[in-house]
Amino acid sequence: MSRQPVIFLSHGAPPLIDDPVWTAELTAWGQTLRRPEAILMISAHWEAAPASVSATRAVPLVYDFYNFPARYYTLQYPAPGAPILAAKVRARLAAAGLPTTDDPSRGLDHGAYIPLMYLFPKADVPVLQLSLPTLSAAPLHTLGQALAPLRDEGVLIIGSGFMTHNLRLGFGPTAPSWARDFDQFAAEALQRGDDDTIIHLMTKAPGAALAHPRVEHLAPLWVAAGAARGDGPPQTPVQGFWMGGFSKRSVQWG
């Protein structure tokens, strides 16, 4: 069984589906990926401690957004459940001394199904979501390391967040300097494989406080970087900015 890559992607709000450039980029990226046995998704939109394992059977999607057009609330992504992967995740985290719990009613949120609609449009790969048990960088990096062996069992690990995310100041005709500066600093750290800088982006990167007033959209990067530790520089299938100050930068290790 071939080793699967690790992905960090900037997932976009539901209006991503109306952006022909971004959806084309995700579609093209998906066509380069080997079909995994299963997908483990860590999204910015699910925080629960200890680390929680989502439903392993078909349950409704989580429409975790408000005041959008009605059609966004009819989106579907009927991916199969992943009970085998759930058991493996629990075992891996237990071996690392990391507790887990189950949330059998939890469906995929928009940080999971919106990008998957374009990366794997057939919705035929089992998907499991794992919550963020903390927003602290070092423990999330350790969590990613504990999950890394799943890659050798055909599991694609995806951290879904946003490289910059400020809902108050991020919208505009062009990317503001704080967003460009943070994005460039993070890109350079990723290319160096500099895990220490990646873990400490919020204290080292210029513009960090504006790029991430709250770090939940950066947190999946720390999990992904931990799972990719030792892989070397990632590819960057998607970059640029959306709606002004939201960096679309998305990377793939392996």
Protein backbone atom coordinates (compact mmCIF):
# COMPACT_ATOMS: atom_id res chain seq x y z
CA MET A 1 0.00 0.00 0.00
CA SER A 2 1.48 3.33 -1.04
CA ARG A 3 2.06 6.04 1.54
CA GLN A 4 -0.51 8.82 1.38
CA PRO A 5 0.36 12.52 1.48
CA VAL A 6 -0.70 15.08 4.05
CA ILE A 7 -2.62 18.21 3.07
CA PHE A 8 -3.27 21.56 4.64
CA LEU A 9 -5.88 23.45 2.68
CA SER A 10 -7.61 26.77 2.96
CA HIS A 11 -11.20 25.69 2.66
CA GLY A 12 -13.29 28.77 1.96
CA ALA A 13 -16.78 29.57 3.13
CA PRO A 14 -19.77 28.14 1.21
CA PRO A 15 -19.45 30.85 -1.50
CA LEU A 16 -16.29 29.06 -2.63
CA ILE A 17 -18.60 26.96 -4.81
CA ASP A 18 -19.31 30.11 -6.84
CA ASP A 19 -15.63 30.89 -7.45
CA PRO A 20 -14.70 29.26 -10.79
CA VAL A 21 -10.97 29.85 -10.32
CA TRP A 22 -10.70 28.33 -6.86
CA THR A 23 -12.98 25.38 -7.61
CA ALA A 24 -10.94 24.67 -10.75
CA GLU A 25 -7.74 24.74 -8.69
CA LEU A 26 -9.16 22.26 -6.18
CA THR A 27 -10.50 20.03 -8.95
CA ALA A 28 -7.13 19.96 -10.71
CA TRP A 29 -5.39 19.19 -7.42
CA GLY A 30 -7.76 16.34 -6.69
CA GLN A 31 -7.01 14.78 -10.06
CA THR A 32 -3.35 14.43 -9.05
CA LEU A 33 -4.11 12.60 -5.79
CA ARG A 34 -4.03 8.83 -5.48
CA ARG A 35 -7.36 7.51 -4.26
CA PRO A 36 -6.96 6.90 -0.52
CA GLU A 37 -8.49 4.09 1.48
CA ALA A 38 -10.01 6.74 3.74
CA ILE A 39 -9.73 10.43 4.60
CA LEU A 40 -9.11 11.80 8.09
CA MET A 41 -10.28 15.41 8.23
CA ILE A 42 -9.33 17.94 10.89
CA SER A 43 -11.37 21.10 10.36
CA ALA A 44 -11.18 24.52 11.97
CA HIS A 45 -14.90 24.27 12.65
CA TRP A 46 -14.92 21.52 15.25
CA GLU A 47 -13.34 22.11 18.63
CA ALA A 48 -13.95 19.52 21.33
CA ALA A 49 -11.77 18.09 24.07
CA PRO A 50 -10.67 15.39 24.34
CA ALA A 51 -10.19 14.67 20.65
CA SER A 52 -13.59 13.55 19.38
CA VAL A 53 -14.28 11.08 16.59
CA SER A 54 -17.22 11.91 14.34
CA ALA A 55 -20.06 9.68 13.22
CA THR A 56 -19.02 6.50 11.43
CA ARG A 57 -22.36 6.07 9.67
CA ALA A 58 -24.43 8.31 7.41
CA VAL A 59 -25.67 11.36 9.35
CA PRO A 60 -26.67 14.82 8.08
CA LEU A 61 -24.00 17.36 7.21
CA VAL A 62 -23.44 20.25 9.59
CA TYR A 63 -24.51 23.53 7.97
CA ASP A 64 -22.46 25.62 10.37
CA PHE A 65 -22.97 29.00 8.73
CA TYR A 66 -25.61 31.69 8.92
CA ASN A 67 -27.50 34.14 6.69
CA PHE A 68 -26.41 32.59 3.41
CA PRO A 69 -28.68 31.90 0.41
CA ALA A 70 -30.95 28.90 0.87
CA ARG A 71 -29.20 26.83 -1.80
CA TYR A 72 -26.08 26.52 0.38
CA TYR A 73 -28.17 24.60 2.92
CA THR A 74 -29.06 21.92 0.37
CA LEU A 75 -25.47 20.92 -0.43
CA GLN A 76 -24.81 17.21 -0.05
CA TYR A 77 -21.67 15.11 0.25
CA PRO A 78 -22.76 11.52 0.90
CA ALA A 79 -19.35 10.02 1.67
CA PRO A 80 -19.33 6.59 3.34
CA GLY A 81 -18.63 6.38 7.05
CA ALA A 82 -15.24 5.18 8.23
CA PRO A 83 -15.62 2.86 11.25
CA ILE A 84 -12.36 1.03 10.51
CA LEU A 85 -10.45 4.31 10.42
CA ALA A 86 -12.17 5.43 13.63
CA ALA A 87 -10.83 2.36 15.43
CA LYS A 88 -7.34 3.02 14.07
CA VAL A 89 -7.43 6.67 15.15
CA ARG A 90 -8.49 5.73 18.66
CA ALA A 91 -5.72 3.14 18.86
CA ARG A 92 -3.02 5.48 17.56
CA LEU A 93 -3.95 8.25 19.93
CA ALA A 94 -4.26 5.88 22.88
CA ALA A 95 -0.77 4.56 22.16
CA ALA A 96 0.49 8.14 22.31
CA GLY A 97 -1.29 8.74 25.62
CA LEU A 98 -3.89 11.02 24.03
CA PRO A 99 -7.50 10.47 25.11
CA THR A 100 -10.40 10.34 22.68
CA THR A 101 -14.16 10.28 22.82
CA ASP A 102 -16.89 9.55 20.28
CA ASP A 103 -19.58 11.87 18.96
CA PRO A 104 -21.80 9.51 16.95
CA SER A 105 -24.19 12.29 15.90
CA ARG A 106 -21.51 14.60 14.48
CA GLY A 107 -21.58 15.00 10.71
CA LEU A 108 -19.04 16.65 8.44
CA ASP A 109 -18.92 20.44 8.68
CA HIS A 110 -18.33 22.87 5.83
CA GLY A 111 -14.58 22.88 6.42
CA ALA A 112 -14.70 19.23 5.41
CA TYR A 113 -17.33 18.82 2.72
CA ILE A 114 -16.88 22.07 0.78
CA PRO A 115 -13.28 21.28 -0.35
CA LEU A 116 -14.00 17.55 -0.64
CA MET A 117 -16.75 18.31 -3.16
CA TYR A 118 -13.95 19.31 -5.56
CA LEU A 119 -11.01 17.17 -4.42
CA PHE A 120 -13.07 13.95 -4.42
CA PRO A 121 -16.33 14.82 -6.19
CA LYS A 122 -17.61 11.22 -6.37
CA ALA A 123 -17.93 11.16 -2.56
CA ASP A 124 -16.94 7.51 -2.65
CA VAL A 125 -14.03 7.61 -0.17
CA PRO A 126 -14.85 6.99 3.53
CA VAL A 127 -14.39 10.18 5.56
CA LEU A 128 -13.88 10.58 9.30
CA GLN A 129 -13.60 13.90 11.09
CA LEU A 130 -11.52 14.45 14.23
CA SER A 131 -12.02 17.46 16.47
CA LEU A 132 -9.39 19.96 17.53
CA PRO A 133 -8.89 19.13 21.22
CA THR A 134 -6.94 22.34 21.83
CA LEU A 135 -5.81 25.46 19.97
CA SER A 136 -2.24 25.23 21.30
CA ALA A 137 0.30 24.67 18.56
CA ALA A 138 2.75 22.22 20.16
CA PRO A 139 0.11 19.71 21.36
CA LEU A 140 -1.56 19.79 17.95
CA HIS A 141 1.78 19.14 16.26
CA THR A 142 2.22 16.16 18.62
CA LEU A 143 -1.28 14.98 17.73
CA GLY A 144 -0.33 15.06 14.05
CA GLN A 145 2.80 13.01 14.73
CA ALA A 146 0.68 10.39 16.50
CA LEU A 147 -1.60 10.16 13.47
CA ALA A 148 1.23 10.03 10.90
CA PRO A 149 1.53 6.19 10.74
CA LEU A 150 -1.99 6.07 9.30
CA ARG A 151 -0.51 7.40 6.09
CA ASP A 152 1.15 4.03 5.52
CA GLU A 153 -2.28 2.39 5.80
CA GLY A 154 -3.74 4.40 2.93
CA VAL A 155 -5.17 7.28 4.95
CA LEU A 156 -5.07 10.80 3.57
CA ILE A 157 -4.77 13.28 6.44
CA ILE A 158 -6.23 16.73 5.70
CA GLY A 159 -6.04 19.80 7.90
CA SER A 160 -8.67 22.26 6.71
CA GLY A 161 -8.38 25.88 7.84
CA PHE A 162 -7.26 29.14 6.27
CA MET A 163 -3.76 30.55 6.01
CA THR A 164 -5.12 33.97 6.99
CA HIS A 165 -8.56 34.51 8.48
CA ASN A 166 -9.91 37.82 9.76
CA LEU A 167 -13.67 38.17 9.28
CA ARG A 168 -13.63 41.79 10.43
CA LEU A 169 -10.74 43.19 8.39
CA GLY A 170 -10.14 40.58 5.70
CA PHE A 171 -12.60 41.75 3.05
CA GLY A 172 -11.52 44.30 0.46
CA PRO A 173 -10.38 44.90 -3.11
CA THR A 174 -6.78 43.81 -2.42
CA ALA A 175 -4.88 41.82 0.16
CA PRO A 176 -3.75 44.07 3.03
CA SER A 177 -0.09 44.14 4.04
CA TRP A 178 -0.64 42.11 7.22
CA ALA A 179 -2.16 39.26 5.21
CA ARG A 180 0.58 39.32 2.55
CA ASP A 181 3.33 39.49 5.17
CA PHE A 182 1.96 36.61 7.24
CA ASP A 183 1.34 34.48 4.16
CA GLN A 184 4.86 35.01 2.83
CA PHE A 185 6.48 34.32 6.19
CA ALA A 186 4.51 31.09 6.59
CA ALA A 187 5.30 30.03 3.02
CA GLU A 188 9.02 30.47 3.61
CA ALA A 189 8.91 28.52 6.88
CA LEU A 190 7.05 25.69 5.16
CA GLN A 191 9.57 25.54 2.34
CA ARG A 192 12.43 25.36 4.85
CA GLY A 193 10.68 22.57 6.72
CA ASP A 194 11.09 24.74 9.80
CA ASP A 195 8.72 23.09 12.25
CA ASP A 196 9.78 25.30 15.14
CA THR A 197 8.81 28.44 13.23
CA ILE A 198 5.57 26.85 12.04
CA ILE A 199 4.65 26.00 15.63
CA HIS A 200 5.48 29.56 16.71
CA LEU A 201 3.91 31.45 13.78
CA MET A 202 1.72 33.49 16.10
CA THR A 203 4.73 34.94 17.90
CA LYS A 204 7.21 35.05 15.01
CA ALA A 205 5.25 35.97 11.89
CA PRO A 206 4.57 39.60 10.95
CA GLY A 207 0.91 40.51 10.99
CA ALA A 208 -0.02 37.44 13.03
CA ALA A 209 -2.48 39.16 15.37
CA LEU A 210 -4.45 40.52 12.40
CA ALA A 211 -4.05 37.44 10.23
CA HIS A 212 -5.54 35.29 13.02
CA PRO A 213 -7.45 37.19 15.73
CA ARG A 214 -8.35 33.68 16.87
CA VAL A 215 -6.22 30.73 15.79
CA GLU A 216 -8.80 28.04 15.01
CA HIS A 217 -8.18 28.39 11.25
CA LEU A 218 -4.42 28.07 11.71
CA ALA A 219 -4.69 25.11 14.09
CA PRO A 220 -5.23 22.45 11.37
CA LEU A 221 -1.88 23.49 9.87
CA TRP A 222 -0.14 22.43 13.08
CA VAL A 223 -1.76 18.99 12.97
CA ALA A 224 -0.87 18.57 9.29
CA ALA A 225 2.73 19.71 9.82
CA GLY A 226 3.09 17.20 12.65
CA ALA A 227 1.77 14.37 10.47
CA ALA A 228 4.17 15.44 7.69
CA ARG A 229 7.24 15.81 9.91
CA GLY A 230 10.36 14.78 8.02
CA ASP A 231 8.76 14.90 4.57
CA GLY A 232 10.70 17.94 3.36
CA PRO A 233 9.30 20.98 1.55
CA PRO A 234 5.66 20.73 0.47
CA GLN A 235 4.14 21.47 -2.90
CA THR A 236 1.80 24.47 -3.12
CA PRO A 237 -1.10 23.54 -5.43
CA VAL A 238 -3.17 26.61 -4.49
CA GLN A 239 -2.08 30.11 -3.54
CA GLY A 240 -3.21 33.70 -3.88
CA PHE A 241 -5.93 35.60 -2.05
CA TRP A 242 -9.72 35.44 -1.92
CA MET A 243 -12.09 38.31 -1.14
CA GLY A 244 -9.11 40.52 -0.27
CA GLY A 245 -7.21 39.29 2.78
CA PHE A 246 -7.94 35.55 2.92
CA SER A 247 -4.88 33.61 1.82
CA LYS A 248 -5.83 30.51 -0.19
CA ARG A 249 -2.37 28.99 0.32
CA SER A 250 -2.73 25.21 0.48
CA VAL A 251 0.09 22.70 0.64
CA GLN A 252 0.77 19.01 0.17
CA TRP A 253 3.56 16.99 1.73
CA GLY A 254 4.47 13.70 0.13
